Structure formats: C-alpha cells, structure tokens
Amino acid sequence: MKRLAVIALGTLLLSAPAFAQDKAAKPAADKTLSASGAVSAVTGDSLTVKGKAGEWTFAIDKDTHVNATGASRKTAALKSDGKPPVLTEYVKVGDAVTVKYHEKGTAKVASDIRVQASLPGKK
C-alpha cells in the first residue's frame, strides 16, 4: 500500500510541470466573453448585436456554432442540396441572441450564437 502511494505521488510530481506548461501556454486573450441583445445586422461573415451596454460587431468563421430552433433540419437540407450553411439562414435582423466570443487582436470572433427568439414586431 505504501509503495502504491509513493508511485502515485511520484507520478503527480512528474506530471506537475506539464500542467503548469498548459496553463502558461494559453494566452489570456482566449477568455470567453458574452454579449446579449437584438441583431441589428447580419451577413455571411459578421453579426452586429445591439444590447443595453452598446453595439458589437462579431466576426464569423468556420468554427462558429449557431444554436437556433430548426437549425439541424436546415443544415441537413442545405447539405442535401450541396450548399454550405450560411449564417443568414439561421439568424435574422430582430432576433434576440446571446453571443459567446473571444477577442483576437481588435476583432471579436463569435464562437457560439444562441438565437433565443424573434423580438415582437421585428420579423
């Protein structure tokens, strides 16, 4: 039993520098931020959201995930037609959204867009 404890402790001590390197290697810029509001503009590669605290424009890339009602069916239909999914298929001006993003230099890059609902009178 004592030998097992020594082996476990040794393993932890040897792996500690690896854990420290992982934390040190991850820059502070990768911190995930969040913004909520109404969509004021949307294109295939950007999304502008107006909230209580201001207005933000987010870049959209191939890693941006969109969570909206019917999105899975829409994506399947686009794939069967041989068309790539485009943000404007899922998000419309007036939709209430929450965007999770990270800052890359001066750009805000959306990683996750959650469409909550269409605001009354906007669609």
C-alpha atoms as a PDB file:
ATOM      1  CA  MET A   1       0.000   0.000   0.000  1.00  0.00           C
ATOM      2  CA  LYS A   2       2.864   2.343   0.901  1.00  0.00           C
ATOM      3  CA  ARG A   3       4.580   1.570  -2.402  1.00  0.00           C
ATOM      4  CA  LEU A   4       1.378   2.431  -4.331  1.00  0.00           C
ATOM      5  CA  ALA A   5       1.152   5.799  -2.552  1.00  0.00           C
ATOM      6  CA  VAL A   6       4.798   6.566  -3.406  1.00  0.00           C
ATOM      7  CA  ILE A   7       4.213   5.685  -7.072  1.00  0.00           C
ATOM      8  CA  ALA A   8       1.086   7.865  -7.221  1.00  0.00           C
ATOM      9  CA  LEU A   9       2.908  10.789  -5.604  1.00  0.00           C
ATOM     10  CA  GLY A  10       5.836  10.381  -7.983  1.00  0.00           C
ATOM     11  CA  THR A  11       3.507  10.392 -10.973  1.00  0.00           C
ATOM     12  CA  LEU A  12       1.836  13.581  -9.762  1.00  0.00           C
ATOM     13  CA  LEU A  13       5.173  15.297  -9.211  1.00  0.00           C
ATOM     14  CA  LEU A  14       6.434  14.314 -12.644  1.00  0.00           C
ATOM     15  CA  SER A  15       3.254  15.488 -14.375  1.00  0.00           C
ATOM     16  CA  ALA A  16       3.037  18.819 -12.490  1.00  0.00           C
ATOM     17  CA  PRO A  17       5.363  20.663 -14.915  1.00  0.00           C
ATOM     18  CA  ALA A  18       3.168  19.519 -17.823  1.00  0.00           C
ATOM     19  CA  PHE A  19       0.071  21.001 -16.154  1.00  0.00           C
ATOM     20  CA  ALA A  20       1.925  24.241 -15.464  1.00  0.00           C
ATOM     21  CA  GLN A  21       3.008  24.486 -19.110  1.00  0.00           C
ATOM     22  CA  ASP A  22      -0.569  24.031 -20.349  1.00  0.00           C
ATOM     23  CA  LYS A  23      -1.784  26.935 -18.230  1.00  0.00           C
ATOM     24  CA  ALA A  24       1.178  29.126 -19.172  1.00  0.00           C
ATOM     25  CA  ALA A  25       0.807  28.344 -22.887  1.00  0.00           C
ATOM     26  CA  LYS A  26      -2.827  29.500 -23.003  1.00  0.00           C
ATOM     27  CA  PRO A  27      -2.895  33.272 -23.520  1.00  0.00           C
ATOM     28  CA  ALA A  28      -5.324  35.484 -21.650  1.00  0.00           C
ATOM     29  CA  ALA A  29      -6.886  36.515 -24.994  1.00  0.00           C
ATOM     30  CA  ASP A  30      -8.650  33.137 -25.180  1.00  0.00           C
ATOM     31  CA  LYS A  31     -11.010  34.149 -22.367  1.00  0.00           C
ATOM     32  CA  THR A  32     -14.627  33.617 -23.432  1.00  0.00           C
ATOM     33  CA  LEU A  33     -16.840  36.695 -23.159  1.00  0.00           C
ATOM     34  CA  SER A  34     -20.584  37.059 -23.676  1.00  0.00           C
ATOM     35  CA  ALA A  35     -22.944  39.674 -25.122  1.00  0.00           C
ATOM     36  CA  SER A  36     -26.731  39.699 -25.483  1.00  0.00           C
ATOM     37  CA  GLY A  37     -29.146  41.825 -27.442  1.00  0.00           C
ATOM     38  CA  ALA A  38     -31.039  42.174 -30.699  1.00  0.00           C
ATOM     39  CA  VAL A  39     -29.474  41.522 -34.086  1.00  0.00           C
ATOM     40  CA  SER A  40     -29.211  44.815 -35.955  1.00  0.00           C
ATOM     41  CA  ALA A  41     -27.280  43.479 -38.983  1.00  0.00           C
ATOM     42  CA  VAL A  42     -26.215  40.071 -40.266  1.00  0.00           C
ATOM     43  CA  THR A  43     -24.107  38.905 -43.229  1.00  0.00           C
ATOM     44  CA  GLY A  44     -22.400  35.637 -44.054  1.00  0.00           C
ATOM     45  CA  ASP A  45     -19.242  36.649 -42.192  1.00  0.00           C
ATOM     46  CA  SER A  46     -20.378  39.107 -39.493  1.00  0.00           C
ATOM     47  CA  LEU A  47     -23.096  39.739 -36.937  1.00  0.00           C
ATOM     48  CA  THR A  48     -23.953  43.051 -35.252  1.00  0.00           C
ATOM     49  CA  VAL A  49     -25.795  42.967 -31.936  1.00  0.00           C
ATOM     50  CA  LYS A  50     -27.281  45.955 -30.119  1.00  0.00           C
ATOM     51  CA  GLY A  51     -27.609  45.497 -26.364  1.00  0.00           C
ATOM     52  CA  LYS A  52     -28.226  47.679 -23.333  1.00  0.00           C
ATOM     53  CA  ALA A  53     -24.488  48.310 -22.894  1.00  0.00           C
ATOM     54  CA  GLY A  54     -23.700  49.120 -26.545  1.00  0.00           C
ATOM     55  CA  GLU A  55     -23.401  47.659 -30.009  1.00  0.00           C
ATOM     56  CA  TRP A  56     -20.895  44.990 -31.045  1.00  0.00           C
ATOM     57  CA  THR A  57     -19.862  43.503 -34.365  1.00  0.00           C
ATOM     58  CA  PHE A  58     -18.639  39.923 -34.334  1.00  0.00           C
ATOM     59  CA  ALA A  59     -16.639  38.120 -36.993  1.00  0.00           C
ATOM     60  CA  ILE A  60     -17.990  34.726 -38.040  1.00  0.00           C
ATOM     61  CA  ASP A  61     -15.640  31.899 -39.009  1.00  0.00           C
ATOM     62  CA  LYS A  62     -15.857  28.190 -39.814  1.00  0.00           C
ATOM     63  CA  ASP A  63     -15.749  27.320 -36.091  1.00  0.00           C
ATOM     64  CA  THR A  64     -18.740  29.488 -35.126  1.00  0.00           C
ATOM     65  CA  HIS A  65     -21.598  27.349 -33.812  1.00  0.00           C
ATOM     66  CA  VAL A  66     -25.218  28.502 -34.164  1.00  0.00           C
ATOM     67  CA  ASN A  67     -27.937  27.177 -31.873  1.00  0.00           C
ATOM     68  CA  ALA A  68     -31.392  28.018 -33.230  1.00  0.00           C
ATOM     69  CA  THR A  69     -34.763  26.299 -33.454  1.00  0.00           C
ATOM     70  CA  GLY A  70     -34.812  24.140 -36.589  1.00  0.00           C
ATOM     71  CA  ALA A  71     -31.100  24.608 -37.277  1.00  0.00           C
ATOM     72  CA  SER A  72     -30.381  20.871 -37.518  1.00  0.00           C
ATOM     73  CA  ARG A  73     -33.093  20.347 -40.135  1.00  0.00           C
ATOM     74  CA  LYS A  74     -31.986  23.441 -42.047  1.00  0.00           C
ATOM     75  CA  THR A  75     -28.351  22.267 -42.059  1.00  0.00           C
ATOM     76  CA  ALA A  76     -29.373  18.797 -43.266  1.00  0.00           C
ATOM     77  CA  ALA A  77     -31.470  20.324 -46.072  1.00  0.00           C
ATOM     78  CA  LEU A  78     -28.610  22.572 -47.173  1.00  0.00           C
ATOM     79  CA  LYS A  79     -26.183  19.626 -47.172  1.00  0.00           C
ATOM     80  CA  SER A  80     -28.565  17.509 -49.250  1.00  0.00           C
ATOM     81  CA  ASP A  81     -28.789  20.376 -51.761  1.00  0.00           C
ATOM     82  CA  GLY A  82     -24.982  20.617 -51.803  1.00  0.00           C
ATOM     83  CA  LYS A  83     -24.999  24.126 -50.317  1.00  0.00           C
ATOM     84  CA  PRO A  84     -22.794  25.278 -47.434  1.00  0.00           C
ATOM     85  CA  PRO A  85     -24.524  26.588 -44.306  1.00  0.00           C
ATOM     86  CA  VAL A  86     -24.600  30.403 -44.143  1.00  0.00           C
ATOM     87  CA  LEU A  87     -25.313  32.455 -41.019  1.00  0.00           C
ATOM     88  CA  THR A  88     -28.141  34.364 -42.721  1.00  0.00           C
ATOM     89  CA  GLU A  89     -30.084  31.080 -42.975  1.00  0.00           C
ATOM     90  CA  TYR A  90     -30.307  30.868 -39.175  1.00  0.00           C
ATOM     91  CA  VAL A  91     -30.135  34.422 -37.808  1.00  0.00           C
ATOM     92  CA  LYS A  92     -32.309  37.354 -38.902  1.00  0.00           C
ATOM     93  CA  VAL A  93     -32.395  41.060 -38.040  1.00  0.00           C
ATOM     94  CA  GLY A  94     -34.507  41.469 -34.907  1.00  0.00           C
ATOM     95  CA  ASP A  95     -33.655  38.093 -33.378  1.00  0.00           C
ATOM     96  CA  ALA A  96     -32.705  38.122 -29.690  1.00  0.00           C
ATOM     97  CA  VAL A  97     -29.311  36.436 -29.352  1.00  0.00           C
ATOM     98  CA  THR A  98     -26.577  35.655 -26.876  1.00  0.00           C
ATOM     99  CA  VAL A  99     -23.108  35.539 -28.390  1.00  0.00           C
ATOM    100  CA  LYS A 100     -20.119  33.903 -26.744  1.00  0.00           C
ATOM    101  CA  TYR A 101     -16.920  35.263 -28.230  1.00  0.00           C
ATOM    102  CA  HIS A 102     -13.217  35.801 -27.758  1.00  0.00           C
ATOM    103  CA  GLU A 103     -11.042  38.690 -28.780  1.00  0.00           C
ATOM    104  CA  LYS A 104      -8.417  38.121 -31.465  1.00  0.00           C
ATOM    105  CA  GLY A 105      -6.417  41.324 -31.644  1.00  0.00           C
ATOM    106  CA  THR A 106      -9.020  44.046 -32.103  1.00  0.00           C
ATOM    107  CA  ALA A 107     -11.645  41.696 -33.586  1.00  0.00           C
ATOM    108  CA  LYS A 108     -14.391  39.970 -31.640  1.00  0.00           C
ATOM    109  CA  VAL A 109     -14.792  36.444 -33.023  1.00  0.00           C
ATOM    110  CA  ALA A 110     -18.064  34.635 -32.265  1.00  0.00           C
ATOM    111  CA  SER A 111     -17.658  31.064 -31.079  1.00  0.00           C
ATOM    112  CA  ASP A 112     -21.301  30.360 -30.189  1.00  0.00           C
ATOM    113  CA  ILE A 113     -24.509  32.160 -31.185  1.00  0.00           C
ATOM    114  CA  ARG A 114     -27.700  31.202 -29.371  1.00  0.00           C
ATOM    115  CA  VAL A 115     -30.867  32.510 -31.025  1.00  0.00           C
ATOM    116  CA  GLN A 116     -33.384  32.902 -28.200  1.00  0.00           C
ATOM    117  CA  ALA A 117     -36.379  34.257 -30.050  1.00  0.00           C
ATOM    118  CA  SER A 118     -37.533  36.836 -32.508  1.00  0.00           C
ATOM    119  CA  LEU A 119     -38.384  40.134 -30.845  1.00  0.00           C
ATOM    120  CA  PRO A 120     -42.067  41.135 -31.209  1.00  0.00           C
ATOM    121  CA  GLY A 121     -42.782  43.181 -34.322  1.00  0.00           C
ATOM    122  CA  LYS A 122     -39.285  42.667 -35.760  1.00  0.00           C
ATOM    123  CA  LYS A 123     -39.904  39.777 -38.167  1.00  0.00           C
END
